[in-house]
């Protein structure tokens, strides 16, 4: 940890909502407001960086890099869950009525062809 009012170092961070994460913690100002920056390590790759409002933080426990790393790699949040994404839209096949396009049945659409949606 650094001296003075600035905080920085390895820590376990407990958030409102019973989330417990760990990593390297620093302070960062975004749009004029103070945020807690948490760099969460990952076993493979660069890990994840997340920013939290100080009001979302229940507890910060300074610890060693080794302990923060061990807890961090087990709790690395995914940036997006597959449950948050809409399922891919599938074009429904149209009857062979001479149409070139899948955007609406029976419609020939030069715009779809020009952007490569349909040959």
N, C-alpha and C. Protein backbone atom coordinates (compact mmCIF):
# COMPACT_ATOMS: atom_id res chain seq x y z
N UNK A 1 0.84 -1.19 0.00
CA UNK A 1 0.00 0.00 0.00
C UNK A 1 0.87 1.24 0.00
N UNK A 2 0.34 2.27 -0.57
CA UNK A 2 1.08 3.52 -0.61
C UNK A 2 0.73 4.39 0.59
N UNK A 3 1.55 5.39 0.83
CA UNK A 3 1.32 6.30 1.95
C UNK A 3 0.30 7.36 1.57
N UNK A 4 -0.29 8.00 2.56
CA UNK A 4 -1.21 9.11 2.32
C UNK A 4 -2.62 8.64 2.02
N UNK A 5 -3.35 9.47 1.27
CA UNK A 5 -4.74 9.18 0.98
C UNK A 5 -4.95 8.21 -0.17
N UNK A 6 -3.96 8.06 -1.03
CA UNK A 6 -4.11 7.15 -2.15
C UNK A 6 -3.98 5.71 -1.70
N UNK A 7 -4.85 4.86 -2.22
CA UNK A 7 -4.79 3.45 -1.90
C UNK A 7 -4.37 2.68 -3.14
N UNK A 8 -3.57 1.68 -2.95
CA UNK A 8 -3.18 0.82 -4.05
C UNK A 8 -2.50 -0.41 -3.50
N UNK A 9 -2.83 -1.56 -4.04
CA UNK A 9 -2.19 -2.78 -3.61
C UNK A 9 -3.07 -3.99 -3.82
N UNK A 10 -2.60 -5.13 -3.41
CA UNK A 10 -3.33 -6.38 -3.53
C UNK A 10 -4.33 -6.47 -2.40
N UNK A 11 -5.56 -6.90 -2.74
CA UNK A 11 -6.61 -6.94 -1.72
C UNK A 11 -7.72 -7.91 -2.11
N UNK A 12 -8.47 -8.29 -1.09
CA UNK A 12 -9.72 -9.02 -1.28
C UNK A 12 -10.81 -7.97 -1.15
N UNK A 13 -11.70 -7.91 -2.13
CA UNK A 13 -12.75 -6.90 -2.16
C UNK A 13 -14.10 -7.59 -2.03
N UNK A 14 -14.86 -7.18 -1.03
CA UNK A 14 -16.21 -7.72 -0.84
C UNK A 14 -17.20 -6.63 -1.23
N UNK A 15 -18.13 -7.01 -2.09
CA UNK A 15 -19.09 -6.06 -2.63
C UNK A 15 -20.48 -6.34 -2.08
N UNK A 16 -21.30 -5.30 -2.05
CA UNK A 16 -22.69 -5.47 -1.67
C UNK A 16 -23.28 -6.50 -2.64
N UNK A 17 -24.04 -7.44 -2.13
CA UNK A 17 -24.59 -8.50 -2.97
C UNK A 17 -23.81 -9.79 -2.84
N UNK A 18 -22.98 -9.87 -1.84
CA UNK A 18 -22.24 -11.10 -1.51
C UNK A 18 -21.28 -11.54 -2.61
N UNK A 19 -20.64 -10.60 -3.27
CA UNK A 19 -19.60 -10.93 -4.24
C UNK A 19 -18.26 -10.72 -3.57
N UNK A 20 -17.37 -11.66 -3.77
CA UNK A 20 -16.03 -11.59 -3.19
C UNK A 20 -15.03 -11.80 -4.32
N UNK A 21 -14.24 -10.77 -4.58
CA UNK A 21 -13.25 -10.80 -5.65
C UNK A 21 -11.90 -10.44 -5.06
N UNK A 22 -10.85 -10.68 -5.82
CA UNK A 22 -9.52 -10.31 -5.33
C UNK A 22 -8.64 -9.95 -6.51
N UNK A 23 -7.71 -9.06 -6.26
CA UNK A 23 -6.78 -8.64 -7.30
C UNK A 23 -6.02 -7.41 -6.85
N UNK A 24 -5.52 -6.67 -7.83
CA UNK A 24 -4.77 -5.45 -7.54
C UNK A 24 -5.74 -4.28 -7.57
N UNK A 25 -5.78 -3.53 -6.48
CA UNK A 25 -6.74 -2.44 -6.31
C UNK A 25 -6.02 -1.10 -6.41
N UNK A 26 -6.60 -0.18 -7.17
CA UNK A 26 -6.12 1.20 -7.23
C UNK A 26 -7.34 2.11 -7.30
N UNK A 27 -7.08 3.39 -7.12
CA UNK A 27 -8.14 4.39 -7.27
C UNK A 27 -8.04 4.98 -8.66
N UNK A 28 -9.20 5.31 -9.24
CA UNK A 28 -9.20 5.94 -10.55
C UNK A 28 -10.38 6.90 -10.64
N UNK A 29 -10.16 8.03 -11.28
CA UNK A 29 -11.22 9.01 -11.47
C UNK A 29 -11.77 8.85 -12.89
N UNK A 30 -13.08 8.65 -12.98
CA UNK A 30 -13.76 8.52 -14.26
C UNK A 30 -14.89 9.55 -14.29
N UNK A 31 -14.86 10.42 -15.29
CA UNK A 31 -15.87 11.48 -15.43
C UNK A 31 -15.99 12.31 -14.16
N UNK A 32 -14.89 12.56 -13.50
CA UNK A 32 -14.86 13.40 -12.32
C UNK A 32 -15.23 12.70 -11.02
N UNK A 33 -15.56 11.41 -11.09
CA UNK A 33 -15.95 10.66 -9.88
C UNK A 33 -14.90 9.60 -9.57
N UNK A 34 -14.69 9.36 -8.28
CA UNK A 34 -13.72 8.37 -7.84
C UNK A 34 -14.31 6.96 -7.96
N UNK A 35 -13.52 6.06 -8.49
CA UNK A 35 -13.89 4.65 -8.60
C UNK A 35 -12.76 3.79 -8.07
N UNK A 36 -13.12 2.59 -7.66
CA UNK A 36 -12.13 1.60 -7.27
C UNK A 36 -11.87 0.75 -8.51
N UNK A 37 -10.61 0.66 -8.92
CA UNK A 37 -10.24 -0.18 -10.06
C UNK A 37 -9.70 -1.49 -9.51
N UNK A 38 -10.29 -2.59 -9.98
CA UNK A 38 -9.87 -3.91 -9.54
C UNK A 38 -9.40 -4.70 -10.75
N UNK A 39 -8.10 -5.01 -10.78
CA UNK A 39 -7.52 -5.84 -11.82
C UNK A 39 -7.47 -7.26 -11.29
N UNK A 40 -8.36 -8.10 -11.80
CA UNK A 40 -8.52 -9.47 -11.31
C UNK A 40 -7.68 -10.39 -12.19
N UNK A 41 -6.76 -11.15 -11.61
CA UNK A 41 -5.90 -12.02 -12.41
C UNK A 41 -6.67 -13.23 -12.95
N UNK A 42 -6.11 -13.83 -13.99
CA UNK A 42 -6.65 -15.06 -14.55
C UNK A 42 -5.51 -16.03 -14.78
N UNK A 43 -5.80 -17.32 -14.71
CA UNK A 43 -4.76 -18.32 -14.93
C UNK A 43 -4.18 -18.20 -16.33
N UNK A 44 -5.02 -18.00 -17.29
CA UNK A 44 -4.61 -17.86 -18.69
C UNK A 44 -5.00 -16.47 -19.16
N UNK A 45 -4.09 -15.72 -19.71
CA UNK A 45 -4.44 -14.42 -20.26
C UNK A 45 -4.20 -13.27 -19.31
N UNK A 46 -4.85 -12.17 -19.65
CA UNK A 46 -4.61 -10.91 -18.95
C UNK A 46 -5.52 -10.68 -17.75
N UNK A 47 -6.54 -11.46 -17.58
CA UNK A 47 -7.47 -11.22 -16.50
C UNK A 47 -8.52 -10.21 -16.89
N UNK A 48 -9.17 -9.65 -15.89
CA UNK A 48 -10.30 -8.74 -16.12
C UNK A 48 -10.10 -7.50 -15.27
N UNK A 49 -10.43 -6.34 -15.82
CA UNK A 49 -10.43 -5.10 -15.06
C UNK A 49 -11.87 -4.65 -14.88
N UNK A 50 -12.24 -4.33 -13.65
CA UNK A 50 -13.57 -3.81 -13.37
C UNK A 50 -13.44 -2.57 -12.50
N UNK A 51 -14.41 -1.66 -12.64
CA UNK A 51 -14.44 -0.43 -11.86
C UNK A 51 -15.69 -0.45 -10.99
N UNK A 52 -15.53 -0.10 -9.72
CA UNK A 52 -16.65 -0.10 -8.79
C UNK A 52 -16.76 1.24 -8.10
N UNK A 53 -18.00 1.66 -7.90
CA UNK A 53 -18.27 2.84 -7.11
C UNK A 53 -17.93 2.51 -5.66
N UNK A 54 -17.33 3.43 -4.92
CA UNK A 54 -17.02 3.14 -3.51
C UNK A 54 -18.25 2.72 -2.70
N UNK A 55 -19.44 3.19 -3.08
CA UNK A 55 -20.64 2.82 -2.32
C UNK A 55 -21.03 1.36 -2.52
N UNK A 56 -20.48 0.68 -3.53
CA UNK A 56 -20.76 -0.74 -3.76
C UNK A 56 -19.84 -1.65 -2.95
N UNK A 57 -18.83 -1.06 -2.32
CA UNK A 57 -17.83 -1.84 -1.61
C UNK A 57 -18.22 -1.98 -0.14
N UNK A 58 -18.26 -3.22 0.32
CA UNK A 58 -18.57 -3.51 1.72
C UNK A 58 -17.30 -3.57 2.55
N UNK A 59 -16.24 -4.19 1.96
CA UNK A 59 -15.02 -4.39 2.72
C UNK A 59 -13.84 -4.55 1.77
N UNK A 60 -12.69 -4.00 2.15
CA UNK A 60 -11.43 -4.21 1.43
C UNK A 60 -10.43 -4.74 2.44
N UNK A 61 -9.86 -5.92 2.15
CA UNK A 61 -8.87 -6.52 3.04
C UNK A 61 -7.54 -6.58 2.31
N UNK A 62 -6.59 -5.73 2.68
CA UNK A 62 -5.27 -5.81 2.05
C UNK A 62 -4.64 -7.18 2.33
N UNK A 63 -3.95 -7.70 1.33
CA UNK A 63 -3.33 -9.01 1.47
C UNK A 63 -2.10 -9.09 0.58
N UNK A 64 -1.51 -10.25 0.49
CA UNK A 64 -0.33 -10.43 -0.35
C UNK A 64 -0.75 -10.72 -1.79
N UNK A 65 0.17 -10.55 -2.70
CA UNK A 65 -0.10 -10.85 -4.10
C UNK A 65 -0.48 -12.31 -4.29
N UNK A 66 0.21 -13.20 -3.58
CA UNK A 66 -0.05 -14.64 -3.72
C UNK A 66 -1.47 -15.00 -3.31
N UNK A 67 -1.93 -14.46 -2.19
CA UNK A 67 -3.29 -14.75 -1.72
C UNK A 67 -4.32 -14.13 -2.65
N UNK A 68 -4.10 -12.87 -3.04
CA UNK A 68 -5.04 -12.22 -3.95
C UNK A 68 -5.12 -12.96 -5.28
N UNK A 69 -3.99 -13.43 -5.77
CA UNK A 69 -3.96 -14.17 -7.03
C UNK A 69 -4.74 -15.48 -6.89
N UNK A 70 -4.51 -16.21 -5.81
CA UNK A 70 -5.20 -17.49 -5.60
C UNK A 70 -6.71 -17.33 -5.53
N UNK A 71 -7.17 -16.29 -4.85
CA UNK A 71 -8.61 -16.04 -4.76
C UNK A 71 -9.12 -15.45 -6.08
N UNK A 72 -8.35 -14.57 -6.68
CA UNK A 72 -8.77 -13.91 -7.91
C UNK A 72 -9.01 -14.86 -9.07
N UNK A 73 -8.12 -15.83 -9.27
CA UNK A 73 -8.29 -16.74 -10.42
C UNK A 73 -9.51 -17.64 -10.24
N UNK A 74 -9.94 -17.87 -9.01
CA UNK A 74 -11.15 -18.68 -8.79
C UNK A 74 -12.42 -17.87 -8.93
N UNK A 75 -12.31 -16.56 -8.87
CA UNK A 75 -13.52 -15.73 -8.90
C UNK A 75 -13.54 -14.76 -10.08
N UNK A 76 -12.72 -15.02 -11.10
CA UNK A 76 -12.66 -14.12 -12.24
C UNK A 76 -14.02 -14.06 -12.94
N UNK A 77 -14.65 -12.90 -12.95
CA UNK A 77 -15.95 -12.79 -13.61
C UNK A 77 -15.80 -12.74 -15.13
N UNK A 78 -16.73 -13.34 -15.82
CA UNK A 78 -16.76 -13.26 -17.28
C UNK A 78 -17.36 -11.92 -17.65
N UNK A 79 -16.81 -11.25 -18.68
CA UNK A 79 -17.36 -9.95 -19.07
C UNK A 79 -18.81 -10.03 -19.51
N UNK A 80 -19.19 -11.13 -20.17
CA UNK A 80 -20.55 -11.32 -20.63
C UNK A 80 -20.93 -12.78 -20.45
N UNK A 81 -22.08 -13.01 -19.92
CA UNK A 81 -22.58 -14.38 -19.79
C UNK A 81 -23.42 -14.72 -21.01
N UNK A 82 -23.40 -15.96 -21.42
CA UNK A 82 -24.18 -16.35 -22.60
C UNK A 82 -25.67 -16.16 -22.35
N UNK A 83 -26.09 -16.13 -21.10
CA UNK A 83 -27.49 -15.93 -20.79
C UNK A 83 -27.92 -14.48 -21.00
N UNK A 84 -26.96 -13.56 -21.09
CA UNK A 84 -27.29 -12.15 -21.32
C UNK A 84 -27.48 -11.84 -22.80
N UNK A 85 -27.04 -12.73 -23.66
CA UNK A 85 -27.09 -12.49 -25.09
C UNK A 85 -28.37 -13.05 -25.69
N UNK A 86 -28.88 -12.37 -26.69
CA UNK A 86 -30.04 -12.89 -27.40
C UNK A 86 -29.58 -14.07 -28.25
N UNK A 87 -30.45 -15.06 -28.41
CA UNK A 87 -30.07 -16.17 -29.29
C UNK A 87 -29.91 -15.66 -30.71
N UNK A 88 -29.02 -16.28 -31.48
CA UNK A 88 -28.83 -15.82 -32.86
C UNK A 88 -30.11 -15.98 -33.66
N UNK A 89 -30.38 -14.97 -34.46
CA UNK A 89 -31.57 -15.05 -35.31
C UNK A 89 -31.25 -15.91 -36.52
N UNK A 90 -32.16 -16.76 -36.86
CA UNK A 90 -31.99 -17.61 -38.02
C UNK A 90 -33.03 -17.23 -39.05
N UNK A 91 -32.57 -17.08 -40.28
CA UNK A 91 -33.50 -16.77 -41.35
C UNK A 91 -34.34 -18.00 -41.64
N UNK A 92 -35.62 -17.79 -41.73
CA UNK A 92 -36.49 -18.91 -42.05
C UNK A 92 -36.48 -19.11 -43.55
N UNK A 93 -36.40 -20.34 -44.00
CA UNK A 93 -36.39 -20.57 -45.44
C UNK A 93 -37.71 -20.15 -46.07
N UNK A 94 -37.61 -19.59 -47.24
CA UNK A 94 -38.80 -19.18 -47.98
C UNK A 94 -39.03 -20.16 -49.12
N UNK A 95 -40.26 -20.20 -49.55
CA UNK A 95 -40.57 -21.06 -50.68
C UNK A 95 -39.85 -20.55 -51.91
N UNK A 96 -39.51 -21.42 -52.79
CA UNK A 96 -38.79 -21.03 -54.00
C UNK A 96 -39.76 -20.35 -54.95
N UNK A 97 -39.92 -19.04 -54.74
CA UNK A 97 -40.82 -18.27 -55.60
C UNK A 97 -40.03 -17.28 -56.44
N UNK A 98 -38.73 -17.54 -56.59
CA UNK A 98 -37.88 -16.67 -57.39
C UNK A 98 -37.27 -15.54 -56.58
N UNK A 99 -37.56 -15.48 -55.29
CA UNK A 99 -37.01 -14.41 -54.46
C UNK A 99 -35.54 -14.68 -54.16
N UNK A 100 -34.74 -13.61 -54.08
CA UNK A 100 -33.32 -13.74 -53.77
C UNK A 100 -33.03 -13.45 -52.31
N UNK A 101 -34.00 -13.00 -51.57
CA UNK A 101 -33.75 -12.42 -50.26
C UNK A 101 -34.43 -13.20 -49.16
N UNK A 102 -33.81 -13.15 -47.97
CA UNK A 102 -34.41 -13.81 -46.81
C UNK A 102 -35.02 -12.82 -45.83
N UNK A 103 -34.97 -11.52 -46.13
CA UNK A 103 -35.49 -10.55 -45.15
C UNK A 103 -37.01 -10.59 -45.08
N UNK A 104 -37.69 -10.78 -46.21
CA UNK A 104 -39.14 -10.98 -46.20
C UNK A 104 -39.49 -11.94 -47.33
N UNK A 105 -40.37 -12.88 -47.08
CA UNK A 105 -40.74 -13.84 -48.12
C UNK A 105 -41.31 -13.15 -49.36
N UNK A 106 -40.87 -13.62 -50.51
CA UNK A 106 -41.38 -13.08 -51.77
C UNK A 106 -40.81 -11.72 -52.14
N UNK A 107 -39.75 -11.31 -51.50
CA UNK A 107 -39.18 -9.98 -51.72
C UNK A 107 -37.77 -10.10 -52.26
N UNK A 108 -37.46 -9.41 -53.34
CA UNK A 108 -36.10 -9.37 -53.87
C UNK A 108 -35.46 -8.11 -53.33
N UNK A 109 -34.37 -8.26 -52.62
CA UNK A 109 -33.78 -7.12 -51.93
C UNK A 109 -32.34 -6.90 -52.39
N UNK A 110 -32.10 -5.89 -53.16
CA UNK A 110 -30.76 -5.57 -53.64
C UNK A 110 -29.85 -5.13 -52.49
N UNK A 111 -30.43 -4.51 -51.47
CA UNK A 111 -29.63 -4.06 -50.33
C UNK A 111 -29.01 -5.25 -49.59
N UNK A 112 -29.80 -6.32 -49.39
CA UNK A 112 -29.26 -7.51 -48.72
C UNK A 112 -28.13 -8.11 -49.56
N UNK A 113 -28.31 -8.16 -50.86
CA UNK A 113 -27.28 -8.72 -51.74
C UNK A 113 -26.03 -7.85 -51.69
N UNK A 114 -26.18 -6.52 -51.64
CA UNK A 114 -25.01 -5.61 -51.68
C UNK A 114 -24.17 -5.71 -50.41
N UNK A 115 -24.77 -6.03 -49.28
CA UNK A 115 -23.99 -6.14 -48.04
C UNK A 115 -23.58 -7.59 -47.76
N UNK A 116 -23.91 -8.51 -48.65
CA UNK A 116 -23.44 -9.87 -48.51
C UNK A 116 -24.33 -10.77 -47.66
N UNK A 117 -25.56 -10.33 -47.36
CA UNK A 117 -26.46 -11.17 -46.58
C UNK A 117 -26.91 -12.37 -47.41
N UNK A 118 -27.11 -12.14 -48.68
CA UNK A 118 -27.56 -13.20 -49.58
C UNK A 118 -26.82 -13.03 -50.89
N UNK A 119 -26.36 -14.11 -51.50
CA UNK A 119 -25.57 -13.99 -52.74
C UNK A 119 -26.36 -13.40 -53.90
